[in-house]
Amino acid sequence: MKVLVPVKRVVDYNVKVRVKSDGSGVDIANVKMSMNPFDEIAVEEAMRLKESGKVTEVIAISCGVSQCQETLRTAMAIGADRAILVESDADLQPLAVAKLLKAIADKEQPQLIILGKQAIDDDCNQTGQMLAALLGWPQATFASKVVLEEGKVLVTREVDGGLETLALTLPAIITTDLRLNEPRYVTLPNIMKAKKKTLDMFKPADLDVDVTPRLKTLKVVEPAKRSAGIKVPDVATLVAKLRNEAKVI
C-alpha cells in the first residue's frame, strides 16, 4: 500500500509574526520556517501505519518555493521513503494545491492520502476537502484515531457531541487533528539518511495545472490591542457597564 502525505512550509509556530508596513502580507524575511505542525502529525501517522506492516511506501509531497526541499528532507528524516516537490514561486492557494496534489495522485496511484487538517499560516482548512472532491474519494476530517483494515480505513473523529467513527473504502483521504499522535523527535542519523533519499521535482506546467490565484488579499492588519480591564465595586455597576458601554446585554 502506498500513502501520500502533503506537507507545507510555514513560519515556525514559535515565531511571533509581523505584518509588512504596506499591509500586503506577513513579513517572512529572516524568519525561521518549519513544517506545518498538523502535517508533521500526518507524516507521523503514515510512519506508524508503515511500522505496523500495513503500508509499504510513504511519499511526502510539497508545493511551493525551492526552500520547501528542507521541509521534505525533514519528512524523510521522520521516515518517508521519498519526496516530490512541485516547485512554484506563485502564491499557491488551496484550490491550486488541491489540483497539483490530484495530478500527483493520478501519477502515483496511492491508496491513502493523509493531510494536516489546516495550515497555521492561512488557517484555510480547505485543501483536503477540495482534493477529495476532485478525486471523487471518500474523506474523513479531523481524525483523532486511524485504523487500517483490509480494503478500508476506520477513522475516529471528534464532533460536538463526542466521537464519531467512519468506515471509508480505499482509496481515501484523511485530515489529521492534534490528538491523533505525538510526532517523534528527528535524530541526526535519520537527518543524514534523508539526504540520500530520492527527491523528484516538477513544475505546475509539467502537470498541466493552472495555479493562477483566484483570490486577492486586499489588506493584512494585526489584531487590535485589547484595552486594559477594570475592577467594579458591585454587580449593579458591572451590569450597567455591560449594558451601556459594552452593549452586550
C-alpha atoms as a PDB file:
ATOM      1  CA  MET A   1       0.000   0.000   0.000  1.00  0.00           C
ATOM      2  CA  LYS A   2       1.254   3.476  -0.927  1.00  0.00           C
ATOM      3  CA  VAL A   3       0.489   6.568   1.201  1.00  0.00           C
ATOM      4  CA  LEU A   4       0.874  10.163   0.026  1.00  0.00           C
ATOM      5  CA  VAL A   5       1.498  12.839   2.680  1.00  0.00           C
ATOM      6  CA  PRO A   6       1.415  16.511   1.605  1.00  0.00           C
ATOM      7  CA  VAL A   7       3.471  18.854   3.813  1.00  0.00           C
ATOM      8  CA  LYS A   8       3.631  22.656   3.846  1.00  0.00           C
ATOM      9  CA  ARG A   9       6.468  25.032   4.729  1.00  0.00           C
ATOM     10  CA  VAL A  10       5.183  27.677   7.139  1.00  0.00           C
ATOM     11  CA  VAL A  11       6.520  30.204   9.631  1.00  0.00           C
ATOM     12  CA  ASP A  12       7.559  28.289  12.747  1.00  0.00           C
ATOM     13  CA  TYR A  13       4.801  28.247  15.352  1.00  0.00           C
ATOM     14  CA  ASN A  14       7.167  29.698  17.982  1.00  0.00           C
ATOM     15  CA  VAL A  15       7.762  32.836  15.918  1.00  0.00           C
ATOM     16  CA  LYS A  16       5.680  35.964  16.501  1.00  0.00           C
ATOM     17  CA  VAL A  17       4.729  37.072  13.004  1.00  0.00           C
ATOM     18  CA  ARG A  18       4.916  40.696  11.902  1.00  0.00           C
ATOM     19  CA  VAL A  19       2.745  42.374   9.292  1.00  0.00           C
ATOM     20  CA  LYS A  20       4.545  44.230   6.500  1.00  0.00           C
ATOM     21  CA  SER A  21       4.436  48.013   6.719  1.00  0.00           C
ATOM     22  CA  ASP A  22       2.409  48.263   3.499  1.00  0.00           C
ATOM     23  CA  GLY A  23      -0.190  45.761   4.778  1.00  0.00           C
ATOM     24  CA  SER A  24       0.374  43.415   1.828  1.00  0.00           C
ATOM     25  CA  GLY A  25       1.084  40.350   3.942  1.00  0.00           C
ATOM     26  CA  VAL A  26       3.247  38.810   6.649  1.00  0.00           C
ATOM     27  CA  ASP A  27       6.972  39.525   6.755  1.00  0.00           C
ATOM     28  CA  ILE A  28       8.862  36.225   6.356  1.00  0.00           C
ATOM     29  CA  ALA A  29      12.323  37.693   5.684  1.00  0.00           C
ATOM     30  CA  ASN A  30      14.919  36.128   8.002  1.00  0.00           C
ATOM     31  CA  VAL A  31      12.172  34.248   9.853  1.00  0.00           C
ATOM     32  CA  LYS A  32      12.529  30.622  10.917  1.00  0.00           C
ATOM     33  CA  MET A  33      10.396  28.310   8.745  1.00  0.00           C
ATOM     34  CA  SER A  34       9.384  24.747   9.548  1.00  0.00           C
ATOM     35  CA  MET A  35       6.907  22.021   8.669  1.00  0.00           C
ATOM     36  CA  ASN A  36       3.264  22.783   9.419  1.00  0.00           C
ATOM     37  CA  PRO A  37       2.550  21.035  12.784  1.00  0.00           C
ATOM     38  CA  PHE A  38      -0.590  19.292  11.505  1.00  0.00           C
ATOM     39  CA  ASP A  39       1.369  17.938   8.530  1.00  0.00           C
ATOM     40  CA  GLU A  40       4.027  16.646  10.928  1.00  0.00           C
ATOM     41  CA  ILE A  41       1.266  14.672  12.657  1.00  0.00           C
ATOM     42  CA  ALA A  42       0.188  13.321   9.247  1.00  0.00           C
ATOM     43  CA  VAL A  43       3.748  12.130   8.470  1.00  0.00           C
ATOM     44  CA  GLU A  44       4.000  10.506  11.901  1.00  0.00           C
ATOM     45  CA  GLU A  45       0.704   8.656  11.386  1.00  0.00           C
ATOM     46  CA  ALA A  46       1.820   7.413   7.976  1.00  0.00           C
ATOM     47  CA  MET A  47       5.032   6.123   9.548  1.00  0.00           C
ATOM     48  CA  ARG A  48       3.148   4.318  12.308  1.00  0.00           C
ATOM     49  CA  LEU A  49       0.985   2.623   9.683  1.00  0.00           C
ATOM     50  CA  LYS A  50       4.136   1.577   7.830  1.00  0.00           C
ATOM     51  CA  GLU A  51       5.776   0.283  11.000  1.00  0.00           C
ATOM     52  CA  SER A  52       2.676  -1.805  11.705  1.00  0.00           C
ATOM     53  CA  GLY A  53       3.244  -3.553   8.371  1.00  0.00           C
ATOM     54  CA  LYS A  54       0.102  -2.252   6.660  1.00  0.00           C
ATOM     55  CA  VAL A  55       1.822   0.324   4.444  1.00  0.00           C
ATOM     56  CA  THR A  56       4.755  -0.348   2.129  1.00  0.00           C
ATOM     57  CA  GLU A  57       5.725   3.155   0.957  1.00  0.00           C
ATOM     58  CA  VAL A  58       5.280   6.685   2.282  1.00  0.00           C
ATOM     59  CA  ILE A  59       5.756   9.585  -0.139  1.00  0.00           C
ATOM     60  CA  ALA A  60       5.992  13.184   1.076  1.00  0.00           C
ATOM     61  CA  ILE A  61       4.961  15.973  -1.292  1.00  0.00           C
ATOM     62  CA  SER A  62       5.183  19.731  -1.049  1.00  0.00           C
ATOM     63  CA  CYS A  63       4.101  22.557  -3.331  1.00  0.00           C
ATOM     64  CA  GLY A  64       5.907  25.888  -3.237  1.00  0.00           C
ATOM     65  CA  VAL A  65       9.306  27.557  -3.460  1.00  0.00           C
ATOM     66  CA  SER A  66      12.587  25.668  -3.756  1.00  0.00           C
ATOM     67  CA  GLN A  67      13.228  26.026   0.004  1.00  0.00           C
ATOM     68  CA  CYS A  68      10.417  23.522   0.527  1.00  0.00           C
ATOM     69  CA  GLN A  69      13.111  20.897  -0.090  1.00  0.00           C
ATOM     70  CA  GLU A  70      14.163  21.455   3.539  1.00  0.00           C
ATOM     71  CA  THR A  71      10.646  20.590   4.702  1.00  0.00           C
ATOM     72  CA  LEU A  72      10.636  17.461   2.553  1.00  0.00           C
ATOM     73  CA  ARG A  73      14.034  16.408   3.952  1.00  0.00           C
ATOM     74  CA  THR A  74      12.519  16.731   7.424  1.00  0.00           C
ATOM     75  CA  ALA A  75       9.646  14.466   6.357  1.00  0.00           C
ATOM     76  CA  MET A  76      12.146  11.932   5.019  1.00  0.00           C
ATOM     77  CA  ALA A  77      14.129  12.191   8.264  1.00  0.00           C
ATOM     78  CA  ILE A  78      10.940  11.243  10.108  1.00  0.00           C
ATOM     79  CA  GLY A  79      10.784   8.222   7.825  1.00  0.00           C
ATOM     80  CA  ALA A  80       9.190   9.000   4.457  1.00  0.00           C
ATOM     81  CA  ASP A  81      10.715   6.840   1.706  1.00  0.00           C
ATOM     82  CA  ARG A  82      10.937   9.544  -0.957  1.00  0.00           C
ATOM     83  CA  ALA A  83       9.637  13.014  -1.733  1.00  0.00           C
ATOM     84  CA  ILE A  84       8.162  15.102  -4.533  1.00  0.00           C
ATOM     85  CA  LEU A  85       8.383  18.880  -4.858  1.00  0.00           C
ATOM     86  CA  VAL A  86       6.108  20.825  -7.186  1.00  0.00           C
ATOM     87  CA  GLU A  87       8.163  23.996  -7.434  1.00  0.00           C
ATOM     88  CA  SER A  88       6.402  27.308  -7.974  1.00  0.00           C
ATOM     89  CA  ASP A  89       7.020  30.894  -6.893  1.00  0.00           C
ATOM     90  CA  ALA A  90       3.335  31.740  -7.320  1.00  0.00           C
ATOM     91  CA  ASP A  91       1.028  32.356  -4.373  1.00  0.00           C
ATOM     92  CA  LEU A  92      -0.443  28.855  -4.174  1.00  0.00           C
ATOM     93  CA  GLN A  93      -3.995  28.907  -2.859  1.00  0.00           C
ATOM     94  CA  PRO A  94      -5.892  25.816  -1.578  1.00  0.00           C
ATOM     95  CA  LEU A  95      -7.616  25.033  -4.888  1.00  0.00           C
ATOM     96  CA  ALA A  96      -4.341  25.243  -6.824  1.00  0.00           C
ATOM     97  CA  VAL A  97      -2.626  22.975  -4.294  1.00  0.00           C
ATOM     98  CA  ALA A  98      -5.520  20.502  -4.453  1.00  0.00           C
ATOM     99  CA  LYS A  99      -5.221  20.381  -8.264  1.00  0.00           C
ATOM    100  CA  LEU A 100      -1.462  19.790  -8.040  1.00  0.00           C
ATOM    101  CA  LEU A 101      -1.991  17.022  -5.486  1.00  0.00           C
ATOM    102  CA  LYS A 102      -4.628  15.434  -7.721  1.00  0.00           C
ATOM    103  CA  ALA A 103      -2.153  15.387 -10.613  1.00  0.00           C
ATOM    104  CA  ILE A 104       0.472  13.718  -8.416  1.00  0.00           C
ATOM    105  CA  ALA A 105      -2.125  11.252  -7.067  1.00  0.00           C
ATOM    106  CA  ASP A 106      -3.100  10.322 -10.627  1.00  0.00           C
ATOM    107  CA  LYS A 107       0.568   9.682 -11.365  1.00  0.00           C
ATOM    108  CA  GLU A 108       1.470   7.792  -8.151  1.00  0.00           C
ATOM    109  CA  GLN A 109      -1.862   5.984  -7.546  1.00  0.00           C
ATOM    110  CA  PRO A 110      -1.729   5.964  -3.711  1.00  0.00           C
ATOM    111  CA  GLN A 111      -4.375   4.105  -1.699  1.00  0.00           C
ATOM    112  CA  LEU A 112      -4.395   6.699   1.082  1.00  0.00           C
ATOM    113  CA  ILE A 113      -3.652  10.423   1.342  1.00  0.00           C
ATOM    114  CA  ILE A 114      -3.098  11.877   4.817  1.00  0.00           C
ATOM    115  CA  LEU A 115      -3.017  15.659   5.216  1.00  0.00           C
ATOM    116  CA  GLY A 116      -2.912  18.052   8.139  1.00  0.00           C
ATOM    117  CA  LYS A 117      -6.386  19.488   8.721  1.00  0.00           C
ATOM    118  CA  GLN A 118      -5.114  23.043   8.113  1.00  0.00           C
ATOM    119  CA  ALA A 119      -2.002  25.160   7.807  1.00  0.00           C
ATOM    120  CA  ILE A 120      -1.158  27.511  10.654  1.00  0.00           C
ATOM    121  CA  ASP A 121      -0.372  30.398   8.289  1.00  0.00           C
ATOM    122  CA  ASP A 122      -3.657  30.792   6.386  1.00  0.00           C
ATOM    123  CA  ASP A 123      -5.903  28.520   8.538  1.00  0.00           C
ATOM    124  CA  CYS A 124      -7.935  27.721   5.413  1.00  0.00           C
ATOM    125  CA  ASN A 125      -8.825  24.086   6.235  1.00  0.00           C
ATOM    126  CA  GLN A 126      -9.809  23.532   2.590  1.00  0.00           C
ATOM    127  CA  THR A 127      -7.157  21.581   0.684  1.00  0.00           C
ATOM    128  CA  GLY A 128      -8.106  18.087   1.914  1.00  0.00           C
ATOM    129  CA  GLN A 129     -11.787  18.600   1.211  1.00  0.00           C
ATOM    130  CA  MET A 130     -11.123  20.077  -2.243  1.00  0.00           C
ATOM    131  CA  LEU A 131      -8.768  17.215  -3.106  1.00  0.00           C
ATOM    132  CA  ALA A 132     -11.403  14.656  -2.079  1.00  0.00           C
ATOM    133  CA  ALA A 133     -13.923  16.366  -4.352  1.00  0.00           C
ATOM    134  CA  LEU A 134     -11.512  16.487  -7.305  1.00  0.00           C
ATOM    135  CA  LEU A 135     -10.545  12.817  -6.925  1.00  0.00           C
ATOM    136  CA  GLY A 136     -14.045  11.644  -6.026  1.00  0.00           C
ATOM    137  CA  TRP A 137     -12.664   9.795  -2.972  1.00  0.00           C
ATOM    138  CA  PRO A 138     -14.308   9.406   0.453  1.00  0.00           C
ATOM    139  CA  GLN A 139     -12.876  11.653   3.160  1.00  0.00           C
ATOM    140  CA  ALA A 140     -12.685  11.830   6.956  1.00  0.00           C
ATOM    141  CA  THR A 141     -11.610  15.127   8.502  1.00  0.00           C
ATOM    142  CA  PHE A 142     -10.185  15.957  11.963  1.00  0.00           C
ATOM    143  CA  ALA A 143      -9.066  12.370  12.622  1.00  0.00           C
ATOM    144  CA  SER A 144      -8.127  11.509  16.208  1.00  0.00           C
ATOM    145  CA  LYS A 145      -7.621   7.764  15.514  1.00  0.00           C
ATOM    146  CA  VAL A 146      -6.883   5.793  12.344  1.00  0.00           C
ATOM    147  CA  VAL A 147      -7.182   2.019  11.974  1.00  0.00           C
ATOM    148  CA  LEU A 148      -6.281   0.456   8.635  1.00  0.00           C
ATOM    149  CA  GLU A 149      -8.076  -2.747   7.680  1.00  0.00           C
ATOM    150  CA  GLU A 150      -8.362  -4.846   4.534  1.00  0.00           C
ATOM    151  CA  GLY A 151      -9.752  -2.583   1.826  1.00  0.00           C
ATOM    152  CA  LYS A 152     -10.974   0.103   4.229  1.00  0.00           C
ATOM    153  CA  VAL A 153      -9.896   2.512   6.952  1.00  0.00           C
ATOM    154  CA  LEU A 154     -11.709   3.284  10.209  1.00  0.00           C
ATOM    155  CA  VAL A 155     -11.382   6.895  11.312  1.00  0.00           C
ATOM    156  CA  THR A 156     -12.484   8.229  14.683  1.00  0.00           C
ATOM    157  CA  ARG A 157     -13.117  11.973  14.712  1.00  0.00           C
ATOM    158  CA  GLU A 158     -14.226  14.451  17.337  1.00  0.00           C
ATOM    159  CA  VAL A 159     -17.641  16.046  16.896  1.00  0.00           C
ATOM    160  CA  ASP A 160     -19.617  18.415  19.114  1.00  0.00           C
ATOM    161  CA  GLY A 161     -21.417  15.603  20.909  1.00  0.00           C
ATOM    162  CA  GLY A 162     -18.431  13.268  21.407  1.00  0.00           C
ATOM    163  CA  LEU A 163     -16.758  10.878  18.973  1.00  0.00           C
ATOM    164  CA  GLU A 164     -17.798   9.660  15.534  1.00  0.00           C
ATOM    165  CA  THR A 165     -16.273   6.656  13.735  1.00  0.00           C
ATOM    166  CA  LEU A 166     -16.355   6.471   9.946  1.00  0.00           C
ATOM    167  CA  ALA A 167     -15.524   3.497   7.724  1.00  0.00           C
ATOM    168  CA  LEU A 168     -14.031   4.596   4.405  1.00  0.00           C
ATOM    169  CA  THR A 169     -13.466   2.412   1.369  1.00  0.00           C
ATOM    170  CA  LEU A 170      -9.953   2.791  -0.025  1.00  0.00           C
ATOM    171  CA  PRO A 171      -8.655   4.852  -1.730  1.00  0.00           C
ATOM    172  CA  ALA A 172      -9.494   7.607   0.753  1.00  0.00           C
ATOM    173  CA  ILE A 173      -8.400  10.946   2.181  1.00  0.00           C
ATOM    174  CA  ILE A 174      -7.820  11.721   5.872  1.00  0.00           C
ATOM    175  CA  THR A 175      -7.053  15.050   7.526  1.00  0.00           C
ATOM    176  CA  THR A 176      -5.383  14.911  10.943  1.00  0.00           C
ATOM    177  CA  ASP A 177      -6.205  16.619  14.227  1.00  0.00           C
ATOM    178  CA  LEU A 178      -3.867  17.392  17.131  1.00  0.00           C
ATOM    179  CA  ARG A 179      -4.937  14.401  19.246  1.00  0.00           C
ATOM    180  CA  LEU A 180      -4.064  11.798  16.614  1.00  0.00           C
ATOM    181  CA  ASN A 181      -0.457  11.305  17.778  1.00  0.00           C
ATOM    182  CA  GLU A 182       2.716  12.881  19.124  1.00  0.00           C
ATOM    183  CA  PRO A 183       5.334  13.296  16.343  1.00  0.00           C
ATOM    184  CA  ARG A 184       8.693  11.672  17.018  1.00  0.00           C
ATOM    185  CA  TYR A 185      11.937  13.525  17.581  1.00  0.00           C
ATOM    186  CA  VAL A 186      14.090  13.596  14.451  1.00  0.00           C
ATOM    187  CA  THR A 187      17.541  12.151  15.151  1.00  0.00           C
ATOM    188  CA  LEU A 188      20.806  13.208  13.497  1.00  0.00           C
ATOM    189  CA  PRO A 189      21.424   9.788  11.844  1.00  0.00           C
ATOM    190  CA  ASN A 190      17.991   9.958  10.222  1.00  0.00           C
ATOM    191  CA  ILE A 191      18.687  13.502   9.021  1.00  0.00           C
ATOM    192  CA  MET A 192      21.859  12.224   7.329  1.00  0.00           C
ATOM    193  CA  LYS A 193      19.987   9.280   5.781  1.00  0.00           C
ATOM    194  CA  ALA A 194      17.328  11.663   4.436  1.00  0.00           C
ATOM    195  CA  LYS A 195      19.966  13.425   2.320  1.00  0.00           C
ATOM    196  CA  LYS A 196      20.410  10.233   0.277  1.00  0.00           C
ATOM    197  CA  LYS A 197      16.712   9.648  -0.370  1.00  0.00           C
ATOM    198  CA  THR A 198      15.107  10.499  -3.715  1.00  0.00           C
ATOM    199  CA  LEU A 199      13.520  13.928  -4.175  1.00  0.00           C
ATOM    200  CA  ASP A 200      11.774  14.402  -7.532  1.00  0.00           C
ATOM    201  CA  MET A 201      10.905  17.887  -8.769  1.00  0.00           C
ATOM    202  CA  PHE A 202       8.155  19.086 -11.087  1.00  0.00           C
ATOM    203  CA  LYS A 203       6.721  22.387 -12.252  1.00  0.00           C
ATOM    204  CA  PRO A 204       2.955  23.071 -12.365  1.00  0.00           C
ATOM    205  CA  ALA A 205       3.262  23.207 -16.175  1.00  0.00           C
ATOM    206  CA  ASP A 206       4.663  19.651 -16.157  1.00  0.00           C
ATOM    207  CA  LEU A 207       1.425  18.534 -14.512  1.00  0.00           C
ATOM    208  CA  ASP A 208      -0.745  20.709 -16.779  1.00  0.00           C
ATOM    209  CA  VAL A 209      -2.162  22.628 -13.806  1.00  0.00           C
ATOM    210  CA  ASP A 210      -3.049  26.333 -13.793  1.00  0.00           C
ATOM    211  CA  VAL A 211      -2.057  27.826 -10.417  1.00  0.00           C
ATOM    212  CA  THR A 212      -3.172  31.385 -11.145  1.00  0.00           C
ATOM    213  CA  PRO A 213      -4.520  32.899  -7.874  1.00  0.00           C
ATOM    214  CA  ARG A 214      -8.294  33.275  -7.770  1.00  0.00           C
ATOM    215  CA  LEU A 215      -8.371  35.274  -4.553  1.00  0.00           C
ATOM    216  CA  LYS A 216      -6.778  38.651  -3.929  1.00  0.00           C
ATOM    217  CA  THR A 217      -5.580  39.793  -0.500  1.00  0.00           C
ATOM    218  CA  LEU A 218      -6.713  43.373  -0.086  1.00  0.00           C
ATOM    219  CA  LYS A 219      -5.045  44.120   3.237  1.00  0.00           C
ATOM    220  CA  VAL A 220      -3.433  42.389   6.213  1.00  0.00           C
ATOM    221  CA  VAL A 221      -3.603  44.023   9.646  1.00  0.00           C
ATOM    222  CA  GLU A 222      -2.555  42.974  13.112  1.00  0.00           C
ATOM    223  CA  PRO A 223      -5.301  42.229  15.662  1.00  0.00           C
ATOM    224  CA  ALA A 224      -6.366  45.266  17.672  1.00  0.00           C
ATOM    225  CA  LYS A 225      -4.704  45.508  21.065  1.00  0.00           C
ATOM    226  CA  ARG A 226      -7.002  44.729  23.951  1.00  0.00           C
ATOM    227  CA  SER A 227      -7.827  47.579  26.283  1.00  0.00           C
ATOM    228  CA  ALA A 228      -6.947  47.226  29.946  1.00  0.00           C
ATOM    229  CA  GLY A 229      -9.537  45.682  32.248  1.00  0.00           C
ATOM    230  CA  ILE A 230     -11.131  47.473  35.194  1.00  0.00           C
ATOM    231  CA  LYS A 231     -12.495  46.473  38.568  1.00  0.00           C
ATOM    232  CA  VAL A 232     -16.071  47.292  39.548  1.00  0.00           C
ATOM    233  CA  PRO A 233     -17.312  47.668  43.127  1.00  0.00           C
ATOM    234  CA  ASP A 234     -20.530  45.668  42.780  1.00  0.00           C
ATOM    235  CA  VAL A 235     -22.775  43.631  40.478  1.00  0.00           C
ATOM    236  CA  ALA A 236     -25.039  46.587  39.697  1.00  0.00           C
ATOM    237  CA  THR A 237     -22.104  48.578  38.285  1.00  0.00           C
ATOM    238  CA  LEU A 238     -20.966  45.543  36.262  1.00  0.00           C
ATOM    239  CA  VAL A 239     -24.426  45.106  34.729  1.00  0.00           C
ATOM    240  CA  ALA A 240     -24.650  48.835  33.961  1.00  0.00           C
ATOM    241  CA  LYS A 241     -21.271  48.803  32.155  1.00  0.00           C
ATOM    242  CA  LEU A 242     -22.149  45.665  30.195  1.00  0.00           C
ATOM    243  CA  ARG A 243     -25.442  47.237  29.127  1.00  0.00           C
ATOM    244  CA  ASN A 244     -24.407  50.842  28.476  1.00  0.00           C
ATOM    245  CA  GLU A 245     -20.741  50.670  27.460  1.00  0.00           C
ATOM    246  CA  ALA A 246     -20.067  47.166  26.115  1.00  0.00           C
ATOM    247  CA  LYS A 247     -23.680  46.838  24.876  1.00  0.00           C
ATOM    248  CA  VAL A 248     -23.588  43.052  25.216  1.00  0.00           C
ATOM    249  CA  ILE A 249     -26.785  42.727  27.287  1.00  0.00           C
END
